[in-house]
Amino acid sequence: MKQAIVARADLGMGKGKLAAQVAHASLSAVEDTSSKSKKQWKGGGQKKIVLKANSEKQLFRLADEAERDGISNAVIRDAGHTQLEPGTVTCLAVGPGSEENIDRITGDLSLY
């Protein structure tokens, strides 16, 4: 079991901003995960990986794939209090789910 968080590299977010957005994405997706999958993921150490996307369009394409496969996911929009305009799409979390299912959607992306 693992979770992939895909963050937009094209926004030039600072390290703190990136960390906050990744955390928002992870928690949001976990909230929509079945109890059984959540328990398996937590019992296995809550494995996460952070990957790069180059555009909002790419995030939405990945989110659509996850949705079609029935995998929990969460698209995060920034509130606009610091570095970004309100509503800017920053991250997508896919899973937690089986490594095979997560890799089918995000396996071609580079590490952040």
N, C-alpha and C. Protein backbone atom coordinates (compact mmCIF):
# COMPACT_ATOMS: atom_id res chain seq x y z
N MET A 1 0.84 -1.18 0.00
CA MET A 1 0.00 0.00 0.00
C MET A 1 0.89 1.24 0.00
N LYS A 2 0.44 2.23 -0.77
CA LYS A 2 1.15 3.51 -0.74
C LYS A 2 0.24 4.62 -1.23
N GLN A 3 0.74 5.82 -1.08
CA GLN A 3 0.06 7.01 -1.56
C GLN A 3 1.07 7.82 -2.37
N ALA A 4 0.62 8.37 -3.48
CA ALA A 4 1.46 9.26 -4.28
C ALA A 4 0.87 10.66 -4.21
N ILE A 5 1.72 11.62 -3.93
CA ILE A 5 1.31 13.01 -3.96
C ILE A 5 2.06 13.66 -5.11
N VAL A 6 1.30 14.24 -6.03
CA VAL A 6 1.87 14.86 -7.22
C VAL A 6 1.74 16.36 -7.07
N ALA A 7 2.89 17.05 -7.07
CA ALA A 7 2.92 18.50 -6.87
C ALA A 7 3.37 19.19 -8.15
N ARG A 8 2.79 20.35 -8.39
CA ARG A 8 3.13 21.12 -9.58
C ARG A 8 4.50 21.78 -9.43
N ALA A 9 5.45 21.38 -10.25
CA ALA A 9 6.79 21.96 -10.24
C ALA A 9 6.81 23.30 -10.97
N ASP A 10 5.83 23.55 -11.83
CA ASP A 10 5.82 24.78 -12.62
C ASP A 10 5.44 26.02 -11.82
N LEU A 11 4.99 25.85 -10.57
CA LEU A 11 4.57 26.99 -9.76
C LEU A 11 5.72 27.64 -8.99
N GLY A 12 6.81 26.93 -8.82
CA GLY A 12 7.95 27.48 -8.09
C GLY A 12 7.64 27.73 -6.62
N MET A 13 6.85 26.85 -6.01
CA MET A 13 6.52 27.00 -4.59
C MET A 13 7.78 26.86 -3.74
N GLY A 14 7.85 27.65 -2.67
CA GLY A 14 8.93 27.50 -1.70
C GLY A 14 8.81 26.17 -0.99
N LYS A 15 9.86 25.77 -0.30
CA LYS A 15 9.87 24.47 0.37
C LYS A 15 8.76 24.34 1.41
N GLY A 16 8.55 25.37 2.19
CA GLY A 16 7.50 25.33 3.20
C GLY A 16 6.12 25.25 2.59
N LYS A 17 5.91 26.03 1.53
CA LYS A 17 4.63 26.02 0.82
C LYS A 17 4.37 24.64 0.24
N LEU A 18 5.39 24.07 -0.40
CA LEU A 18 5.28 22.74 -0.98
C LEU A 18 4.92 21.71 0.09
N ALA A 19 5.61 21.77 1.22
CA ALA A 19 5.35 20.81 2.30
C ALA A 19 3.91 20.93 2.79
N ALA A 20 3.42 22.15 2.94
CA ALA A 20 2.05 22.34 3.42
C ALA A 20 1.04 21.80 2.41
N GLN A 21 1.26 22.06 1.13
CA GLN A 21 0.33 21.61 0.10
C GLN A 21 0.31 20.09 0.00
N VAL A 22 1.48 19.47 0.11
CA VAL A 22 1.58 18.00 0.09
C VAL A 22 0.83 17.42 1.28
N ALA A 23 0.97 18.03 2.45
CA ALA A 23 0.26 17.55 3.64
C ALA A 23 -1.24 17.68 3.46
N HIS A 24 -1.71 18.80 2.93
CA HIS A 24 -3.14 18.98 2.67
C HIS A 24 -3.65 17.87 1.76
N ALA A 25 -2.91 17.60 0.70
CA ALA A 25 -3.33 16.58 -0.27
C ALA A 25 -3.40 15.20 0.37
N SER A 26 -2.36 14.85 1.11
CA SER A 26 -2.32 13.53 1.74
C SER A 26 -3.51 13.32 2.66
N LEU A 27 -3.73 14.27 3.55
CA LEU A 27 -4.83 14.14 4.50
C LEU A 27 -6.19 14.11 3.81
N SER A 28 -6.37 14.94 2.82
CA SER A 28 -7.66 14.99 2.12
C SER A 28 -8.00 13.67 1.45
N ALA A 29 -7.01 13.07 0.80
CA ALA A 29 -7.26 11.80 0.13
C ALA A 29 -7.51 10.67 1.13
N VAL A 30 -6.78 10.68 2.23
CA VAL A 30 -6.96 9.64 3.24
C VAL A 30 -8.37 9.69 3.81
N GLU A 31 -8.91 10.89 3.99
CA GLU A 31 -10.27 11.04 4.52
C GLU A 31 -11.31 10.34 3.63
N ASP A 32 -11.03 10.25 2.34
CA ASP A 32 -11.97 9.63 1.40
C ASP A 32 -11.65 8.17 1.09
N THR A 33 -10.74 7.58 1.85
CA THR A 33 -10.32 6.20 1.63
C THR A 33 -11.16 5.26 2.50
N SER A 34 -11.44 4.08 1.99
CA SER A 34 -12.21 3.10 2.76
C SER A 34 -11.48 2.75 4.05
N SER A 35 -12.24 2.35 5.04
CA SER A 35 -11.66 1.99 6.34
C SER A 35 -10.65 0.85 6.20
N LYS A 36 -10.98 -0.13 5.37
CA LYS A 36 -10.09 -1.28 5.19
C LYS A 36 -8.75 -0.85 4.58
N SER A 37 -8.81 -0.06 3.51
CA SER A 37 -7.57 0.41 2.86
C SER A 37 -6.78 1.32 3.78
N LYS A 38 -7.47 2.17 4.50
CA LYS A 38 -6.81 3.08 5.44
C LYS A 38 -6.06 2.29 6.51
N LYS A 39 -6.70 1.26 7.04
CA LYS A 39 -6.09 0.43 8.08
C LYS A 39 -4.86 -0.30 7.54
N GLN A 40 -4.96 -0.85 6.32
CA GLN A 40 -3.82 -1.54 5.71
C GLN A 40 -2.65 -0.57 5.49
N TRP A 41 -2.95 0.60 5.00
CA TRP A 41 -1.92 1.61 4.71
C TRP A 41 -1.24 2.06 6.00
N LYS A 42 -2.04 2.35 7.02
CA LYS A 42 -1.47 2.79 8.30
C LYS A 42 -0.63 1.67 8.92
N GLY A 43 -1.11 0.43 8.83
CA GLY A 43 -0.38 -0.70 9.38
C GLY A 43 0.93 -0.98 8.67
N GLY A 44 1.03 -0.53 7.43
CA GLY A 44 2.24 -0.73 6.64
C GLY A 44 3.20 0.44 6.67
N GLY A 45 2.97 1.40 7.56
CA GLY A 45 3.91 2.51 7.70
C GLY A 45 3.52 3.78 6.97
N GLN A 46 2.34 3.84 6.40
CA GLN A 46 1.84 5.03 5.70
C GLN A 46 2.80 5.50 4.59
N LYS A 47 3.21 4.57 3.74
CA LYS A 47 4.16 4.87 2.67
C LYS A 47 3.62 5.96 1.75
N LYS A 48 4.48 6.96 1.49
CA LYS A 48 4.14 8.07 0.59
C LYS A 48 5.31 8.35 -0.33
N ILE A 49 4.99 8.89 -1.49
CA ILE A 49 6.00 9.33 -2.43
C ILE A 49 5.53 10.65 -3.03
N VAL A 50 6.44 11.59 -3.22
CA VAL A 50 6.09 12.90 -3.78
C VAL A 50 6.72 13.00 -5.17
N LEU A 51 5.87 13.30 -6.13
CA LEU A 51 6.25 13.31 -7.54
C LEU A 51 5.97 14.67 -8.17
N LYS A 52 6.56 14.90 -9.34
CA LYS A 52 6.41 16.17 -10.05
C LYS A 52 5.40 16.10 -11.17
N ALA A 53 4.63 17.17 -11.29
CA ALA A 53 3.80 17.41 -12.47
C ALA A 53 4.21 18.77 -13.01
N ASN A 54 3.95 19.00 -14.29
CA ASN A 54 4.36 20.24 -14.91
C ASN A 54 3.22 21.19 -15.22
N SER A 55 1.99 20.78 -14.88
CA SER A 55 0.86 21.66 -15.20
C SER A 55 -0.39 21.24 -14.45
N GLU A 56 -1.33 22.16 -14.37
CA GLU A 56 -2.63 21.86 -13.80
C GLU A 56 -3.34 20.81 -14.65
N LYS A 57 -3.21 20.91 -15.95
CA LYS A 57 -3.84 19.96 -16.86
C LYS A 57 -3.38 18.54 -16.56
N GLN A 58 -2.09 18.37 -16.31
CA GLN A 58 -1.55 17.04 -16.01
C GLN A 58 -2.15 16.50 -14.70
N LEU A 59 -2.28 17.36 -13.68
CA LEU A 59 -2.89 16.91 -12.42
C LEU A 59 -4.31 16.43 -12.63
N PHE A 60 -5.09 17.18 -13.40
CA PHE A 60 -6.49 16.79 -13.62
C PHE A 60 -6.59 15.51 -14.46
N ARG A 61 -5.67 15.30 -15.38
CA ARG A 61 -5.66 14.05 -16.16
C ARG A 61 -5.41 12.86 -15.23
N LEU A 62 -4.45 13.01 -14.32
CA LEU A 62 -4.15 11.95 -13.36
C LEU A 62 -5.32 11.71 -12.40
N ALA A 63 -5.95 12.80 -11.96
CA ALA A 63 -7.11 12.68 -11.07
C ALA A 63 -8.25 11.94 -11.77
N ASP A 64 -8.46 12.22 -13.05
CA ASP A 64 -9.49 11.52 -13.82
C ASP A 64 -9.19 10.02 -13.91
N GLU A 65 -7.92 9.68 -14.14
CA GLU A 65 -7.54 8.27 -14.19
C GLU A 65 -7.82 7.58 -12.85
N ALA A 66 -7.44 8.23 -11.76
CA ALA A 66 -7.67 7.66 -10.43
C ALA A 66 -9.17 7.48 -10.19
N GLU A 67 -9.94 8.47 -10.56
CA GLU A 67 -11.39 8.41 -10.37
C GLU A 67 -11.99 7.24 -11.15
N ARG A 68 -11.58 7.09 -12.41
CA ARG A 68 -12.08 5.98 -13.24
C ARG A 68 -11.71 4.63 -12.66
N ASP A 69 -10.54 4.55 -12.00
CA ASP A 69 -10.09 3.29 -11.39
C ASP A 69 -10.64 3.09 -9.98
N GLY A 70 -11.42 4.04 -9.48
CA GLY A 70 -12.00 3.91 -8.16
C GLY A 70 -11.01 4.11 -7.02
N ILE A 71 -9.94 4.87 -7.29
CA ILE A 71 -8.91 5.12 -6.28
C ILE A 71 -9.16 6.49 -5.65
N SER A 72 -9.12 6.53 -4.33
CA SER A 72 -9.32 7.81 -3.65
C SER A 72 -8.27 8.80 -4.13
N ASN A 73 -8.69 10.05 -4.24
CA ASN A 73 -7.78 11.09 -4.69
C ASN A 73 -8.30 12.44 -4.21
N ALA A 74 -7.42 13.42 -4.20
CA ALA A 74 -7.80 14.77 -3.78
C ALA A 74 -6.98 15.80 -4.53
N VAL A 75 -7.66 16.73 -5.16
CA VAL A 75 -7.02 17.87 -5.82
C VAL A 75 -7.05 19.03 -4.83
N ILE A 76 -5.91 19.68 -4.64
CA ILE A 76 -5.80 20.76 -3.67
C ILE A 76 -5.69 22.11 -4.38
N ARG A 77 -6.49 23.05 -3.91
CA ARG A 77 -6.45 24.44 -4.38
C ARG A 77 -5.99 25.31 -3.23
N ASP A 78 -5.04 26.18 -3.50
CA ASP A 78 -4.49 27.05 -2.47
C ASP A 78 -5.47 28.14 -2.06
N ALA A 79 -5.42 28.52 -0.79
CA ALA A 79 -6.30 29.57 -0.28
C ALA A 79 -5.83 30.96 -0.70
N GLY A 80 -4.58 31.08 -1.11
CA GLY A 80 -4.09 32.36 -1.60
C GLY A 80 -3.61 33.33 -0.54
N HIS A 81 -3.24 32.83 0.64
CA HIS A 81 -2.80 33.72 1.71
C HIS A 81 -1.34 34.13 1.60
N THR A 82 -0.54 33.38 0.85
CA THR A 82 0.90 33.68 0.81
C THR A 82 1.43 33.82 -0.62
N GLN A 83 1.95 32.75 -1.19
CA GLN A 83 2.69 32.82 -2.44
C GLN A 83 1.85 32.75 -3.71
N LEU A 84 0.66 32.18 -3.63
CA LEU A 84 -0.12 31.89 -4.83
C LEU A 84 -1.46 32.61 -4.82
N GLU A 85 -2.03 32.74 -6.00
CA GLU A 85 -3.36 33.33 -6.13
C GLU A 85 -4.41 32.36 -5.56
N PRO A 86 -5.47 32.88 -4.97
CA PRO A 86 -6.53 32.00 -4.46
C PRO A 86 -7.06 31.07 -5.55
N GLY A 87 -7.23 29.81 -5.19
CA GLY A 87 -7.77 28.83 -6.13
C GLY A 87 -6.74 28.14 -7.01
N THR A 88 -5.47 28.49 -6.87
CA THR A 88 -4.43 27.84 -7.67
C THR A 88 -4.35 26.36 -7.31
N VAL A 89 -4.44 25.50 -8.31
CA VAL A 89 -4.32 24.06 -8.10
C VAL A 89 -2.84 23.74 -7.89
N THR A 90 -2.53 23.11 -6.74
CA THR A 90 -1.13 22.88 -6.38
C THR A 90 -0.72 21.41 -6.38
N CYS A 91 -1.59 20.53 -5.91
CA CYS A 91 -1.22 19.13 -5.69
C CYS A 91 -2.40 18.20 -5.94
N LEU A 92 -2.05 16.95 -6.14
CA LEU A 92 -3.00 15.86 -6.23
C LEU A 92 -2.45 14.71 -5.41
N ALA A 93 -3.28 14.15 -4.55
CA ALA A 93 -2.91 12.91 -3.86
C ALA A 93 -3.69 11.77 -4.49
N VAL A 94 -3.01 10.67 -4.73
CA VAL A 94 -3.63 9.46 -5.29
C VAL A 94 -3.41 8.35 -4.28
N GLY A 95 -4.52 7.82 -3.77
CA GLY A 95 -4.44 6.76 -2.78
C GLY A 95 -4.56 7.32 -1.39
N PRO A 96 -4.37 6.47 -0.41
CA PRO A 96 -3.66 5.21 -0.44
C PRO A 96 -4.42 4.10 -1.18
N GLY A 97 -3.61 3.23 -1.76
CA GLY A 97 -4.11 2.08 -2.47
C GLY A 97 -2.97 1.11 -2.71
N SER A 98 -3.25 0.05 -3.42
CA SER A 98 -2.18 -0.92 -3.69
C SER A 98 -1.10 -0.25 -4.53
N GLU A 99 0.14 -0.64 -4.28
CA GLU A 99 1.26 -0.06 -5.04
C GLU A 99 1.03 -0.23 -6.54
N GLU A 100 0.52 -1.38 -6.93
CA GLU A 100 0.28 -1.65 -8.35
C GLU A 100 -0.70 -0.63 -8.94
N ASN A 101 -1.79 -0.36 -8.23
CA ASN A 101 -2.78 0.59 -8.74
C ASN A 101 -2.25 2.02 -8.77
N ILE A 102 -1.52 2.41 -7.73
CA ILE A 102 -0.96 3.76 -7.68
C ILE A 102 0.09 3.93 -8.78
N ASP A 103 0.94 2.94 -8.95
CA ASP A 103 1.99 3.01 -9.97
C ASP A 103 1.42 3.03 -11.39
N ARG A 104 0.28 2.40 -11.60
CA ARG A 104 -0.35 2.41 -12.92
C ARG A 104 -0.70 3.85 -13.33
N ILE A 105 -1.03 4.68 -12.36
CA ILE A 105 -1.41 6.06 -12.65
C ILE A 105 -0.23 7.01 -12.60
N THR A 106 0.68 6.83 -11.63
CA THR A 106 1.73 7.81 -11.40
C THR A 106 3.15 7.30 -11.69
N GLY A 107 3.26 6.07 -12.14
CA GLY A 107 4.57 5.43 -12.29
C GLY A 107 5.52 6.08 -13.28
N ASP A 108 5.02 6.90 -14.19
CA ASP A 108 5.89 7.54 -15.19
C ASP A 108 6.42 8.90 -14.72
N LEU A 109 6.02 9.34 -13.55
CA LEU A 109 6.42 10.67 -13.08
C LEU A 109 7.76 10.61 -12.34
N SER A 110 8.45 11.75 -12.32
CA SER A 110 9.74 11.86 -11.62
C SER A 110 9.54 12.24 -10.16
N LEU A 111 10.48 11.84 -9.33
CA LEU A 111 10.46 12.25 -7.94
C LEU A 111 10.60 13.76 -7.83
N TYR A 112 9.96 14.33 -6.82
CA TYR A 112 10.08 15.78 -6.60
C TYR A 112 11.40 16.06 -5.93
